[in-house]
C-alpha atoms as a PDB file:
ATOM      1  CA  UNK A   1     -35.499   5.165   6.759  1.00  0.00           C
ATOM      2  CA  UNK A   2     -36.307   6.668   3.398  1.00  0.00           C
ATOM      3  CA  UNK A   3     -35.815   5.901  -0.372  1.00  0.00           C
ATOM      4  CA  UNK A   4     -32.397   8.010  -0.113  1.00  0.00           C
ATOM      5  CA  UNK A   5     -31.041   5.397   2.473  1.00  0.00           C
ATOM      6  CA  UNK A   6     -28.243   3.506   1.021  1.00  0.00           C
ATOM      7  CA  UNK A   7     -27.144  -0.004   2.706  1.00  0.00           C
ATOM      8  CA  UNK A   8     -23.754  -1.074   1.763  1.00  0.00           C
ATOM      9  CA  UNK A   9     -23.219  -4.740   1.765  1.00  0.00           C
ATOM     10  CA  UNK A  10     -19.765  -6.032   0.918  1.00  0.00           C
ATOM     11  CA  UNK A  11     -20.121  -9.289  -1.158  1.00  0.00           C
ATOM     12  CA  UNK A  12     -16.274  -9.985  -1.162  1.00  0.00           C
ATOM     13  CA  UNK A  13     -15.090  -9.003   2.102  1.00  0.00           C
ATOM     14  CA  UNK A  14     -11.927 -11.183   2.163  1.00  0.00           C
ATOM     15  CA  UNK A  15     -10.967  -9.303  -1.056  1.00  0.00           C
ATOM     16  CA  UNK A  16     -11.238  -5.883   0.460  1.00  0.00           C
ATOM     17  CA  UNK A  17      -9.375  -6.881   3.361  1.00  0.00           C
ATOM     18  CA  UNK A  18      -6.704  -8.682   1.315  1.00  0.00           C
ATOM     19  CA  UNK A  19      -6.179  -5.409  -0.809  1.00  0.00           C
ATOM     20  CA  UNK A  20      -6.247  -3.399   2.246  1.00  0.00           C
ATOM     21  CA  UNK A  21      -3.495  -5.836   3.834  1.00  0.00           C
ATOM     22  CA  UNK A  22      -1.505  -5.433   0.293  1.00  0.00           C
ATOM     23  CA  UNK A  23      -1.758  -1.716   0.742  1.00  0.00           C
ATOM     24  CA  UNK A  24      -0.351  -1.556   4.151  1.00  0.00           C
ATOM     25  CA  UNK A  25       2.525  -3.875   3.631  1.00  0.00           C
ATOM     26  CA  UNK A  26       3.215  -1.719   0.479  1.00  0.00           C
ATOM     27  CA  UNK A  27       3.285   1.350   2.537  1.00  0.00           C
ATOM     28  CA  UNK A  28       5.324  -0.048   5.095  1.00  0.00           C
ATOM     29  CA  UNK A  29       7.959  -1.237   2.455  1.00  0.00           C
ATOM     30  CA  UNK A  30       7.696   2.372   0.995  1.00  0.00           C
ATOM     31  CA  UNK A  31       8.374   4.208   4.313  1.00  0.00           C
ATOM     32  CA  UNK A  32      11.178   1.861   5.149  1.00  0.00           C
ATOM     33  CA  UNK A  33      12.678   2.272   1.782  1.00  0.00           C
ATOM     34  CA  UNK A  34      12.796   6.160   2.040  1.00  0.00           C
ATOM     35  CA  UNK A  35      16.060   5.896   4.324  1.00  0.00           C
ATOM     36  CA  UNK A  36      17.974   4.393   1.366  1.00  0.00           C
ATOM     37  CA  UNK A  37      19.391   6.461  -1.002  1.00  0.00           C
ATOM     38  CA  UNK A  38      16.990   6.663  -4.337  1.00  0.00           C
ATOM     39  CA  UNK A  39      19.473   7.507  -7.220  1.00  0.00           C
ATOM     40  CA  UNK A  40      18.147   8.076 -10.559  1.00  0.00           C
ATOM     41  CA  UNK A  41      16.838   5.629 -13.240  1.00  0.00           C
ATOM     42  CA  UNK A  42      20.217   5.502 -15.031  1.00  0.00           C
ATOM     43  CA  UNK A  43      22.416   5.191 -11.595  1.00  0.00           C
ATOM     44  CA  UNK A  44      19.841   3.355  -9.327  1.00  0.00           C
ATOM     45  CA  UNK A  45      20.583   3.762  -5.606  1.00  0.00           C
ATOM     46  CA  UNK A  46      19.763   0.786  -3.051  1.00  0.00           C
ATOM     47  CA  UNK A  47      16.396   2.502  -2.458  1.00  0.00           C
ATOM     48  CA  UNK A  48      15.128   2.650  -6.048  1.00  0.00           C
ATOM     49  CA  UNK A  49      13.997  -1.024  -6.790  1.00  0.00           C
ATOM     50  CA  UNK A  50      12.259  -1.462  -3.053  1.00  0.00           C
ATOM     51  CA  UNK A  51      10.597   2.047  -3.662  1.00  0.00           C
ATOM     52  CA  UNK A  52       9.391   1.071  -7.169  1.00  0.00           C
ATOM     53  CA  UNK A  53       7.980  -2.259  -5.943  1.00  0.00           C
ATOM     54  CA  UNK A  54       6.286  -1.109  -3.077  1.00  0.00           C
ATOM     55  CA  UNK A  55       4.396   1.375  -5.251  1.00  0.00           C
ATOM     56  CA  UNK A  56       3.321  -1.244  -7.503  1.00  0.00           C
ATOM     57  CA  UNK A  57       2.196  -3.112  -4.212  1.00  0.00           C
ATOM     58  CA  UNK A  58       0.031  -0.310  -3.124  1.00  0.00           C
ATOM     59  CA  UNK A  59      -1.544   0.304  -6.468  1.00  0.00           C
ATOM     60  CA  UNK A  60      -2.296  -3.563  -6.981  1.00  0.00           C
ATOM     61  CA  UNK A  61      -4.008  -3.478  -3.593  1.00  0.00           C
ATOM     62  CA  UNK A  62      -5.915  -0.523  -4.452  1.00  0.00           C
ATOM     63  CA  UNK A  63      -7.238  -2.290  -7.665  1.00  0.00           C
ATOM     64  CA  UNK A  64      -8.066  -5.442  -5.663  1.00  0.00           C
ATOM     65  CA  UNK A  65     -10.193  -3.626  -2.966  1.00  0.00           C
ATOM     66  CA  UNK A  66     -11.731  -1.335  -5.581  1.00  0.00           C
ATOM     67  CA  UNK A  67     -12.780  -4.415  -7.657  1.00  0.00           C
ATOM     68  CA  UNK A  68     -14.155  -6.010  -4.646  1.00  0.00           C
ATOM     69  CA  UNK A  69     -16.394  -3.145  -3.959  1.00  0.00           C
ATOM     70  CA  UNK A  70     -17.328  -2.501  -7.594  1.00  0.00           C
ATOM     71  CA  UNK A  71     -18.579  -5.771  -8.173  1.00  0.00           C
ATOM     72  CA  UNK A  72     -21.169  -5.413  -5.715  1.00  0.00           C
ATOM     73  CA  UNK A  73     -22.356  -2.146  -6.918  1.00  0.00           C
ATOM     74  CA  UNK A  74     -22.585  -3.701 -10.510  1.00  0.00           C
ATOM     75  CA  UNK A  75     -24.608  -6.787  -9.294  1.00  0.00           C
ATOM     76  CA  UNK A  76     -26.565  -4.484  -7.003  1.00  0.00           C
ATOM     77  CA  UNK A  77     -27.710  -2.407  -9.783  1.00  0.00           C
ATOM     78  CA  UNK A  78     -28.692  -5.379 -11.909  1.00  0.00           C
ATOM     79  CA  UNK A  79     -30.660  -6.874  -9.351  1.00  0.00           C
ATOM     80  CA  UNK A  80     -32.415  -3.676  -8.570  1.00  0.00           C
ATOM     81  CA  UNK A  81     -33.387  -3.416 -12.329  1.00  0.00           C
ATOM     82  CA  UNK A  82     -34.698  -7.065 -12.568  1.00  0.00           C
ATOM     83  CA  UNK A  83     -36.924  -6.512  -9.350  1.00  0.00           C
ATOM     84  CA  UNK A  84     -38.203  -3.124 -10.732  1.00  0.00           C
ATOM     85  CA  UNK A  85     -39.093  -4.819 -14.056  1.00  0.00           C
ATOM     86  CA  UNK A  86     -41.003  -7.642 -12.041  1.00  0.00           C
ATOM     87  CA  UNK A  87     -42.849  -5.052 -10.054  1.00  0.00           C
ATOM     88  CA  UNK A  88     -45.869  -3.507 -12.114  1.00  0.00           C
END
């Protein structure tokens, strides 16, 4: 393996899995809510509220998963910078 090889170690796998579970649940509710009439913002149908909530769930799940992955890359860069400063 050369210097270009990158190893990805997930520091918070529970957060990544939790975010993916929230995304999957939100996607399931989104798909089941598509069978209901949507309506408009002024005359909301029975599918309006579940669709909005499922979109919010998908977004929040994505934020949770990305934050868990992003924390590792930030820490990895900080550790790499510290190790490089110690190595003459």
